[in-house]
Amino acid sequence: MKTEFTAEQLADPKIARANEILRACVHCGFCTATCPTYQVLGDELDSPRGRIYLIKDMLENDRVPDEKTVKHIDRCLSCLACMTTCPSGVHYMHLVDQAREYIEERYQRPLGDRMIRWILARILPYPMRFRVALLGARIGRPFARLVPDARLRAMLEMAPKHIPPVSRNDDPQTFAPKGARRMRVALMTGCAQRALNTDINDATIRLLTRLGCEVVVARGAGCCGALTHHMGKTAESHATAAGNIRAWAREMDGDGLDAIVINTSGCGTTVKDYGHMFRLEPLADDAARVSAIAMDVSEVLMKLDLPEGGDKGLTVAYHAACSLQHGQKIKSFPKDLLRRAGFTVAEPADSHLCCGSAGTYNLMQPAISKQLKDRKLRTLEAVKPDVIAAGNIGCMMQIGSGTPVPVVHTVELLDWATGGPQPPAMLRAAEGHGGVPILR
């Protein structure tokens, strides 16, 4: 793609990076074939190619974003399927993230939009605040149909019927390995996941220690910053990310770390990009070190020789989170691990397409999100699974809110297969509650 940035504009490293990405695009349109919003809406401007044109025009002309541009950028899921499809290697993620930052700095959103985005940024990354908000939303949930704003209704409908108790495993501490130590790893415990489903981190710790890992929950680590990063709120996202970088760098410089383990793939994609995010900041070196050893839990488990298990007699529908298969390019590891543990793995049709969760997308764009969720549910239930497995809490919430099939994290099944307890969601489903209990 031909660009016409001035020499003065290109002196800005951010514009120089945008120019590099834009010039890689050859207008081929392969991205439109795998873009969920283009498939649902049929609008060229709701495809990666269309959004690239809008971003190019906005950045080149250094103009205040207009409502049309903001609407189409906001509709992007950041599922990154376009990056998997693109034959030219266009790094769309960095481009759309920059566009969102530019919009946040220069566009005056309507008051209602600003308030909702402020609320999300001030609550979701903080587990205790989120828990309190969920309790409040649960009270208001019976009145959701009376709320005129679809986004506020979506927030109320998200309220769980059951909120799990706080897990003390998420507190800063060190868990000793069972037997000889093979690795020393830091576990990212996350933020929203700690309020919505404490079973995931508990299962991850049991599984890793069983396989010989010393597991550290580092003091000072918390939210990865993805939520505010994708809103374009760079100062806020970098502040929380910097806390992680410092916490993990201390561990690396102390007793050392072989890996930083992340069991929420949306967080993993962001942490692996810290090196880029902080490339122009004083923490650049430590950020690059952190990114270099950040791994999805499935990557670590592949290094630990998970024991082979006998046939469990269960069919697992594996949902491939976009942030894992497109963002981190991890496609086979979770399925390989489940099969090795003795489960029969079934993949749904169109497994490359997003379920519509995408961070806060299901709250900010509920109508589009619902269409994507309904399609994903049809394909998952078509394989007639006993259980659905995923590697991202957002996907689990989205899918679990619409199916009676229990939805669990991949590590919960692997923990169960190697001596841990049966995933609580499966137990509660067997008792007749169905679905993901915290969402019903």
Protein backbone atom coordinates (compact mmCIF):
# COMPACT_ATOMS: atom_id res chain seq x y z
CA MET A 1 0.00 0.00 0.00
CA LYS A 2 1.35 3.39 -0.95
CA THR A 3 1.64 5.84 1.93
CA GLU A 4 2.32 9.57 1.97
CA PHE A 5 3.51 10.38 5.46
CA THR A 6 5.79 13.39 5.69
CA ALA A 7 9.36 13.17 6.92
CA GLU A 8 8.27 15.05 10.04
CA GLN A 9 5.53 12.49 10.72
CA LEU A 10 7.91 9.58 10.19
CA ALA A 11 10.21 11.01 12.86
CA ASP A 12 7.59 9.77 15.33
CA PRO A 13 8.44 6.09 16.04
CA LYS A 14 4.74 5.23 16.32
CA ILE A 15 3.95 6.69 12.90
CA ALA A 16 7.04 5.00 11.48
CA ARG A 17 5.73 1.65 12.75
CA ALA A 18 2.27 2.34 11.31
CA ASN A 19 3.86 3.22 7.96
CA GLU A 20 5.79 -0.05 7.97
CA ILE A 21 2.61 -2.04 8.59
CA LEU A 22 0.53 -0.14 6.06
CA ARG A 23 3.12 -0.54 3.30
CA ALA A 24 3.08 -4.32 3.81
CA CYS A 25 -0.62 -4.48 2.82
CA VAL A 26 -1.21 -5.41 -0.84
CA HIS A 27 -5.02 -5.01 -0.85
CA CYS A 28 -5.49 -8.73 -1.58
CA GLY A 29 -8.60 -9.10 0.56
CA PHE A 30 -7.74 -12.54 1.93
CA CYS A 31 -8.49 -11.10 5.38
CA THR A 32 -12.15 -10.55 4.48
CA ALA A 33 -12.68 -14.31 4.21
CA THR A 34 -11.91 -14.89 7.89
CA CYS A 35 -13.07 -11.63 9.49
CA PRO A 36 -16.07 -12.35 11.75
CA THR A 37 -17.49 -8.83 11.61
CA TYR A 38 -17.30 -8.72 7.83
CA GLN A 39 -19.10 -12.04 7.64
CA VAL A 40 -21.85 -10.81 9.98
CA LEU A 41 -22.21 -7.25 8.69
CA GLY A 42 -21.08 -7.52 5.06
CA ASP A 43 -19.57 -4.03 5.11
CA GLU A 44 -16.11 -3.55 3.60
CA LEU A 45 -15.34 -1.01 6.33
CA ASP A 46 -15.98 -3.75 8.89
CA SER A 47 -13.20 -5.86 7.39
CA PRO A 48 -9.48 -5.54 8.20
CA ARG A 49 -8.79 -4.13 4.73
CA GLY A 50 -11.48 -1.50 5.16
CA ARG A 51 -10.28 -0.57 8.62
CA ILE A 52 -6.71 -0.30 7.33
CA TYR A 53 -7.88 2.28 4.77
CA LEU A 54 -9.66 4.24 7.49
CA ILE A 55 -6.62 4.14 9.78
CA LYS A 56 -4.28 5.18 6.96
CA ASP A 57 -6.45 8.17 6.08
CA MET A 58 -6.75 9.21 9.72
CA LEU A 59 -3.05 8.96 10.53
CA GLU A 60 -1.71 10.37 7.25
CA ASN A 61 -3.88 13.46 7.46
CA ASP A 62 -3.32 13.81 11.20
CA ARG A 63 -7.01 14.50 11.55
CA VAL A 64 -9.47 14.32 14.38
CA PRO A 65 -11.23 10.94 14.10
CA ASP A 66 -14.79 11.16 12.83
CA GLU A 67 -17.78 9.15 14.03
CA LYS A 68 -17.68 6.83 11.01
CA THR A 69 -14.05 5.85 11.55
CA VAL A 70 -14.55 5.33 15.29
CA LYS A 71 -17.63 3.16 14.70
CA HIS A 72 -15.81 0.74 12.43
CA ILE A 73 -12.65 0.60 14.57
CA ASP A 74 -14.79 -0.03 17.66
CA ARG A 75 -16.48 -2.93 15.87
CA CYS A 76 -13.16 -4.75 15.45
CA LEU A 77 -12.90 -7.76 17.75
CA SER A 78 -9.09 -7.86 17.65
CA CYS A 79 -9.51 -11.58 17.06
CA LEU A 80 -6.47 -11.40 14.74
CA ALA A 81 -7.81 -14.04 12.34
CA CYS A 82 -6.73 -11.61 9.63
CA MET A 83 -3.11 -11.97 10.71
CA THR A 84 -3.30 -15.74 10.39
CA THR A 85 -4.77 -15.39 6.90
CA CYS A 86 -2.64 -12.52 5.57
CA PRO A 87 -0.02 -13.72 3.04
CA SER A 88 1.92 -10.46 3.36
CA GLY A 89 2.50 -10.52 7.10
CA VAL A 90 0.59 -7.33 7.88
CA HIS A 91 0.82 -6.82 11.66
CA TYR A 92 -2.75 -5.64 12.06
CA MET A 93 -2.66 -5.92 15.86
CA HIS A 94 -0.08 -3.17 16.29
CA LEU A 95 -1.89 -0.98 13.76
CA VAL A 96 -5.36 -1.21 15.30
CA ASP A 97 -3.92 -0.77 18.81
CA GLN A 98 -2.26 2.44 17.66
CA ALA A 99 -5.48 3.60 16.03
CA ARG A 100 -7.36 3.05 19.28
CA GLU A 101 -4.80 5.05 21.22
CA TYR A 102 -5.05 7.85 18.64
CA ILE A 103 -8.86 7.83 18.89
CA GLU A 104 -8.79 7.84 22.68
CA GLU A 105 -6.54 10.89 22.67
CA ARG A 106 -8.40 12.92 20.03
CA TYR A 107 -12.03 11.85 19.80
CA GLN A 108 -14.73 13.14 22.15
CA ARG A 109 -17.09 10.23 22.67
CA PRO A 110 -20.71 10.74 23.71
CA LEU A 111 -21.14 10.98 27.47
CA GLY A 112 -22.77 7.55 27.74
CA ASP A 113 -19.88 5.89 25.93
CA ARG A 114 -17.34 7.64 28.12
CA MET A 115 -19.12 6.57 31.28
CA ILE A 116 -19.38 2.91 30.27
CA ARG A 117 -15.74 2.75 29.22
CA TRP A 118 -14.70 4.48 32.46
CA ILE A 119 -16.69 1.99 34.53
CA LEU A 120 -15.18 -1.02 32.76
CA ALA A 121 -11.64 0.33 33.09
CA ARG A 122 -12.11 1.04 36.79
CA ILE A 123 -13.74 -2.25 37.76
CA LEU A 124 -12.83 -5.26 35.61
CA PRO A 125 -9.03 -5.15 36.16
CA TYR A 126 -9.49 -5.13 39.94
CA PRO A 127 -10.74 -8.48 41.34
CA MET A 128 -12.28 -7.16 44.56
CA ARG A 129 -14.02 -4.24 42.84
CA PHE A 130 -15.28 -6.66 40.22
CA ARG A 131 -16.67 -8.98 42.88
CA VAL A 132 -18.57 -6.12 44.51
CA ALA A 133 -19.87 -4.99 41.12
CA LEU A 134 -21.03 -8.53 40.33
CA LEU A 135 -22.96 -8.64 43.58
CA GLY A 136 -24.63 -5.35 42.73
CA ALA A 137 -25.39 -6.45 39.19
CA ARG A 138 -26.95 -9.64 40.49
CA ILE A 139 -29.46 -7.56 42.43
CA GLY A 140 -30.30 -5.55 39.33
CA ARG A 141 -30.39 -8.50 36.94
CA PRO A 142 -34.17 -9.17 37.25
CA PHE A 143 -34.74 -5.63 35.99
CA ALA A 144 -32.33 -5.86 33.04
CA ARG A 145 -35.12 -5.87 30.44
CA LEU A 146 -36.18 -2.42 31.65
CA VAL A 147 -32.77 -0.88 30.94
CA PRO A 148 -32.83 0.96 27.59
CA ASP A 149 -29.09 0.77 26.83
CA ALA A 150 -28.18 -2.66 25.40
CA ARG A 151 -24.67 -2.38 26.81
CA LEU A 152 -25.91 -1.83 30.34
CA ARG A 153 -28.33 -4.72 29.90
CA ALA A 154 -25.42 -6.91 28.82
CA MET A 155 -23.53 -5.94 31.97
CA LEU A 156 -26.48 -6.85 34.19
CA GLU A 157 -27.08 -10.12 32.35
CA MET A 158 -23.43 -11.00 32.87
CA ALA A 159 -24.00 -11.08 36.62
CA PRO A 160 -23.44 -14.62 37.95
CA LYS A 161 -25.89 -16.47 40.10
CA HIS A 162 -23.00 -17.88 42.12
CA ILE A 163 -19.77 -16.02 42.86
CA PRO A 164 -16.92 -18.30 43.94
CA PRO A 165 -15.17 -17.56 47.22
CA VAL A 166 -11.77 -15.91 47.07
CA SER A 167 -8.97 -18.41 46.53
CA ARG A 168 -5.99 -17.85 48.80
CA ASN A 169 -3.89 -19.60 46.14
CA ASP A 170 -3.95 -16.28 44.28
CA ASP A 171 -2.07 -14.54 47.10
CA PRO A 172 1.69 -13.91 46.65
CA GLN A 173 3.49 -17.09 47.70
CA THR A 174 5.53 -20.03 46.44
CA PHE A 175 4.24 -23.57 45.88
CA ALA A 176 6.83 -26.34 46.18
CA PRO A 177 7.04 -29.02 43.48
CA LYS A 178 6.02 -32.59 44.12
CA GLY A 179 9.31 -34.42 43.92
CA ALA A 180 12.43 -33.09 42.22
CA ARG A 181 12.16 -29.56 40.84
CA ARG A 182 12.23 -29.44 37.05
CA MET A 183 11.27 -25.81 36.48
CA ARG A 184 10.70 -22.63 38.44
CA VAL A 185 7.81 -20.63 36.99
CA ALA A 186 5.75 -17.59 37.85
CA LEU A 187 2.00 -17.95 37.46
CA MET A 188 0.05 -14.94 36.28
CA THR A 189 -3.16 -15.10 38.33
CA GLY A 190 -4.90 -12.36 36.34
CA CYS A 191 -7.75 -10.09 37.39
CA ALA A 192 -11.28 -10.83 36.13
CA GLN A 193 -10.56 -14.56 36.26
CA ARG A 194 -9.87 -14.31 39.99
CA ALA A 195 -13.40 -13.01 40.51
CA LEU A 196 -15.25 -15.17 38.01
CA ASN A 197 -13.64 -18.60 38.25
CA THR A 198 -11.06 -19.52 40.86
CA ASP A 199 -10.99 -23.17 39.75
CA ILE A 200 -8.63 -22.37 36.86
CA ASN A 201 -5.66 -21.07 38.85
CA ASP A 202 -6.18 -23.74 41.52
CA ALA A 203 -6.05 -26.49 38.88
CA THR A 204 -3.03 -24.90 37.19
CA ILE A 205 -1.05 -24.83 40.43
CA ARG A 206 -1.92 -28.45 41.27
CA LEU A 207 -1.00 -29.63 37.79
CA LEU A 208 2.29 -27.75 37.53
CA THR A 209 3.52 -28.75 40.99
CA ARG A 210 2.53 -32.37 40.29
CA LEU A 211 4.73 -32.26 37.19
CA GLY A 212 7.74 -30.87 39.06
CA CYS A 213 7.36 -27.10 38.88
CA GLU A 214 8.02 -24.68 41.67
CA VAL A 215 5.22 -22.15 41.16
CA VAL A 216 5.62 -18.54 42.26
CA VAL A 217 2.79 -16.03 42.55
CA ALA A 218 4.88 -12.87 42.47
CA ARG A 219 4.12 -9.97 44.77
CA GLY A 220 3.07 -6.91 42.78
CA ALA A 221 1.80 -8.77 39.72
CA GLY A 222 -1.81 -8.32 38.64
CA CYS A 223 -3.80 -7.31 35.59
CA CYS A 224 -1.89 -7.64 32.31
CA GLY A 225 -3.29 -4.34 31.01
CA ALA A 226 -5.07 -5.84 28.00
CA LEU A 227 -8.49 -4.46 28.82
CA THR A 228 -7.42 -0.81 28.95
CA HIS A 229 -4.83 -1.35 26.20
CA HIS A 230 -7.55 -2.34 23.75
CA MET A 231 -9.57 0.70 24.78
CA GLY A 232 -6.66 2.92 23.76
CA LYS A 233 -6.03 3.96 27.37
CA THR A 234 -2.29 3.58 27.08
CA ALA A 235 -1.25 5.31 30.31
CA GLU A 236 -3.53 3.05 32.36
CA SER A 237 -2.59 -0.15 30.56
CA HIS A 238 1.13 0.57 30.81
CA ALA A 239 0.83 1.34 34.52
CA THR A 240 -0.59 -2.11 35.30
CA ALA A 241 1.72 -3.83 32.85
CA ALA A 242 4.71 -2.11 34.41
CA GLY A 243 3.76 -3.61 37.78
CA ASN A 244 3.96 -7.07 36.25
CA ILE A 245 7.24 -6.37 34.54
CA ARG A 246 8.86 -5.19 37.77
CA ALA A 247 7.43 -8.07 39.80
CA TRP A 248 8.61 -10.74 37.37
CA ALA A 249 11.97 -9.07 36.74
CA ARG A 250 12.62 -9.25 40.49
CA GLU A 251 11.96 -12.98 40.42
CA MET A 252 14.16 -13.41 37.34
CA ASP A 253 16.98 -11.53 39.04
CA GLY A 254 16.43 -13.41 42.32
CA ASP A 255 16.02 -17.17 42.21
CA GLY A 256 15.38 -17.10 38.47
CA LEU A 257 12.43 -18.12 36.30
CA ASP A 258 12.22 -20.64 33.51
CA ALA A 259 8.85 -19.32 32.36
CA ILE A 260 6.01 -16.96 33.15
CA VAL A 261 2.92 -19.15 32.86
CA ILE A 262 -0.33 -17.61 31.63
CA ASN A 263 -3.58 -19.57 31.57
CA THR A 264 -5.76 -16.84 30.06
CA SER A 265 -4.77 -16.56 26.43
CA GLY A 266 -6.01 -12.98 26.05
CA CYS A 267 -3.52 -11.98 28.73
CA GLY A 268 -0.83 -14.12 27.16
CA THR A 269 -1.04 -12.32 23.83
CA THR A 270 -0.58 -8.99 25.60
CA VAL A 271 2.27 -10.09 27.88
CA LYS A 272 4.13 -11.55 24.92
CA ASP A 273 3.83 -8.10 23.32
CA TYR A 274 5.27 -6.19 26.30
CA GLY A 275 8.58 -5.92 24.48
CA HIS A 276 6.88 -3.95 21.72
CA MET A 277 4.60 -1.98 24.02
CA PHE A 278 7.52 -0.73 26.14
CA ARG A 279 10.14 -0.45 23.39
CA LEU A 280 10.29 3.36 23.77
CA GLU A 281 10.19 3.41 27.58
CA PRO A 282 12.75 2.98 30.38
CA LEU A 283 11.41 -0.51 31.14
CA ALA A 284 12.19 -1.67 27.60
CA ASP A 285 14.91 -4.16 28.55
CA ASP A 286 12.95 -5.78 31.38
CA ALA A 287 9.80 -5.83 29.25
CA ALA A 288 11.66 -7.67 26.50
CA ARG A 289 13.02 -10.17 29.04
CA VAL A 290 9.53 -10.82 30.36
CA SER A 291 8.05 -11.28 26.90
CA ALA A 292 10.83 -13.70 26.00
CA ILE A 293 9.85 -16.20 28.72
CA ALA A 294 6.08 -15.64 28.76
CA MET A 295 4.30 -18.88 27.80
CA ASP A 296 0.78 -20.16 27.58
CA VAL A 297 0.25 -22.97 30.07
CA SER A 298 -0.05 -25.44 27.18
CA GLU A 299 3.46 -24.52 25.99
CA VAL A 300 4.89 -25.27 29.42
CA LEU A 301 2.99 -28.53 29.74
CA MET A 302 4.39 -29.71 26.40
CA LYS A 303 7.86 -29.39 27.94
CA LEU A 304 6.91 -31.38 31.03
CA ASP A 305 6.00 -34.73 29.46
CA LEU A 306 2.42 -35.03 30.63
CA PRO A 307 1.74 -38.68 31.51
CA GLU A 308 -0.29 -40.67 28.99
CA GLY A 309 -3.72 -41.62 30.25
CA GLY A 310 -6.19 -44.33 29.38
CA ASP A 311 -9.37 -43.67 27.45
CA LYS A 312 -11.60 -41.48 29.60
CA GLY A 313 -14.71 -42.20 27.55
CA LEU A 314 -15.45 -38.47 27.20
CA THR A 315 -15.73 -36.34 24.08
CA VAL A 316 -14.26 -32.87 24.55
CA ALA A 317 -15.23 -30.12 22.12
CA TYR A 318 -12.16 -27.93 21.99
CA HIS A 319 -12.83 -24.23 21.47
CA ALA A 320 -9.77 -22.49 20.10
CA ALA A 321 -9.59 -19.01 21.62
CA CYS A 322 -8.64 -16.39 19.04
CA SER A 323 -5.94 -14.97 21.27
CA LEU A 324 -4.34 -18.43 21.42
CA GLN A 325 -4.64 -19.64 17.84
CA HIS A 326 -4.24 -16.27 16.08
CA GLY A 327 -2.55 -14.07 18.67
CA GLN A 328 0.01 -16.61 19.89
CA LYS A 329 -0.07 -19.08 16.98
CA ILE A 330 -0.69 -21.99 19.35
CA LYS A 331 -3.05 -24.37 17.60
CA SER A 332 -2.23 -28.00 18.34
CA PHE A 333 -0.76 -28.07 21.87
CA PRO A 334 -4.03 -28.00 23.88
CA LYS A 335 -5.57 -30.69 21.65
CA ASP A 336 -2.42 -32.82 21.77
CA LEU A 337 -2.38 -32.62 25.57
CA LEU A 338 -6.05 -33.55 25.91
CA ARG A 339 -5.62 -36.55 23.62
CA ARG A 340 -2.51 -37.63 25.49
CA ALA A 341 -4.47 -37.49 28.74
CA GLY A 342 -7.09 -39.86 27.30
CA PHE A 343 -9.86 -37.61 26.06
CA THR A 344 -11.48 -37.78 22.62
CA VAL A 345 -11.13 -34.33 21.09
CA ALA A 346 -13.68 -32.99 18.61
CA GLU A 347 -13.24 -29.72 16.76
CA PRO A 348 -16.24 -27.66 15.66
CA ALA A 349 -16.70 -26.33 12.15
CA ASP A 350 -15.19 -22.90 11.50
CA SER A 351 -13.02 -23.20 14.59
CA HIS A 352 -10.97 -20.23 13.39
CA LEU A 353 -13.88 -17.84 13.96
CA CYS A 354 -14.39 -15.79 17.12
CA CYS A 355 -17.07 -16.60 19.72
CA GLY A 356 -17.77 -12.88 20.19
CA SER A 357 -16.35 -12.45 23.69
CA ALA A 358 -13.14 -10.59 22.81
CA GLY A 359 -12.39 -8.93 26.14
CA THR A 360 -15.15 -6.37 26.72
CA TYR A 361 -16.58 -6.69 23.21
CA ASN A 362 -19.60 -8.68 24.40
CA LEU A 363 -20.40 -5.75 26.70
CA MET A 364 -19.62 -2.93 24.27
CA GLN A 365 -21.03 -4.50 21.09
CA PRO A 366 -23.70 -6.91 22.44
CA ALA A 367 -25.72 -7.28 19.22
CA ILE A 368 -22.77 -8.38 17.07
CA SER A 369 -21.38 -10.45 19.91
CA LYS A 370 -24.66 -12.35 20.25
CA GLN A 371 -24.68 -13.29 16.57
CA LEU A 372 -21.15 -14.65 16.86
CA LYS A 373 -21.97 -16.49 20.08
CA ASP A 374 -25.04 -18.15 18.59
CA ARG A 375 -23.06 -19.37 15.59
CA LYS A 376 -20.26 -20.69 17.81
CA LEU A 377 -22.74 -22.52 20.05
CA ARG A 378 -24.34 -24.23 17.05
CA THR A 379 -21.00 -25.54 15.81
CA LEU A 380 -19.85 -26.67 19.26
CA GLU A 381 -23.07 -28.47 20.14
CA ALA A 382 -23.14 -30.12 16.70
CA VAL A 383 -20.23 -32.39 17.71
CA LYS A 384 -22.31 -33.64 20.69
CA PRO A 385 -19.64 -33.16 23.37
CA ASP A 386 -19.70 -34.25 26.98
CA VAL A 387 -17.75 -31.15 27.90
CA ILE A 388 -16.38 -28.05 26.18
CA ALA A 389 -12.78 -26.98 26.86
CA ALA A 390 -11.19 -23.60 26.23
CA GLY A 391 -8.06 -21.73 27.28
CA ASN A 392 -9.52 -18.29 27.96
CA ILE A 393 -11.92 -17.12 30.68
CA GLY A 394 -13.72 -14.70 28.35
CA CYS A 395 -14.55 -17.48 25.89
CA MET A 396 -15.67 -19.73 28.73
CA MET A 397 -18.06 -17.06 29.97
CA GLN A 398 -19.42 -16.33 26.53
CA ILE A 399 -20.01 -19.95 25.57
CA GLY A 400 -21.11 -21.06 29.02
CA SER A 401 -23.87 -18.46 29.10
CA GLY A 402 -25.69 -20.20 26.25
CA THR A 403 -25.27 -23.96 26.58
CA PRO A 404 -26.13 -26.67 29.14
CA VAL A 405 -22.86 -28.45 28.27
CA PRO A 406 -20.29 -27.84 31.03
CA VAL A 407 -17.50 -25.50 29.96
CA VAL A 408 -14.11 -25.87 31.64
CA HIS A 409 -10.55 -24.75 31.15
CA THR A 410 -8.21 -27.19 29.44
CA VAL A 411 -5.98 -27.33 32.53
CA GLU A 412 -8.92 -28.47 34.66
CA LEU A 413 -9.32 -31.57 32.51
CA LEU A 414 -5.58 -32.23 32.49
CA ASP A 415 -5.43 -31.80 36.26
CA TRP A 416 -8.31 -34.27 36.67
CA ALA A 417 -6.68 -36.77 34.31
CA THR A 418 -3.44 -36.73 36.32
CA GLY A 419 -4.85 -37.11 39.81
CA GLY A 420 -6.71 -33.90 40.61
CA PRO A 421 -10.41 -33.46 41.37
CA GLN A 422 -13.10 -33.53 38.71
CA PRO A 423 -13.75 -30.00 37.41
CA PRO A 424 -16.45 -28.44 39.61
CA ALA A 425 -18.41 -27.26 36.56
CA MET A 426 -18.78 -30.87 35.44
CA LEU A 427 -19.90 -31.98 38.88
CA ARG A 428 -22.52 -29.26 39.09
CA ALA A 429 -23.72 -30.01 35.58
CA ALA A 430 -24.15 -33.67 36.59
CA GLU A 431 -26.25 -32.47 39.53
CA GLY A 432 -28.58 -30.75 37.10
CA HIS A 433 -27.45 -27.15 37.24
CA GLY A 434 -25.96 -27.24 33.72
CA GLY A 435 -23.61 -24.89 31.93
CA VAL A 436 -20.96 -22.89 33.74
CA PRO A 437 -22.51 -22.44 37.20
CA ILE A 438 -21.04 -19.02 37.83
CA LEU A 439 -22.88 -17.72 34.78
CA ARG A 440 -26.29 -19.24 35.26
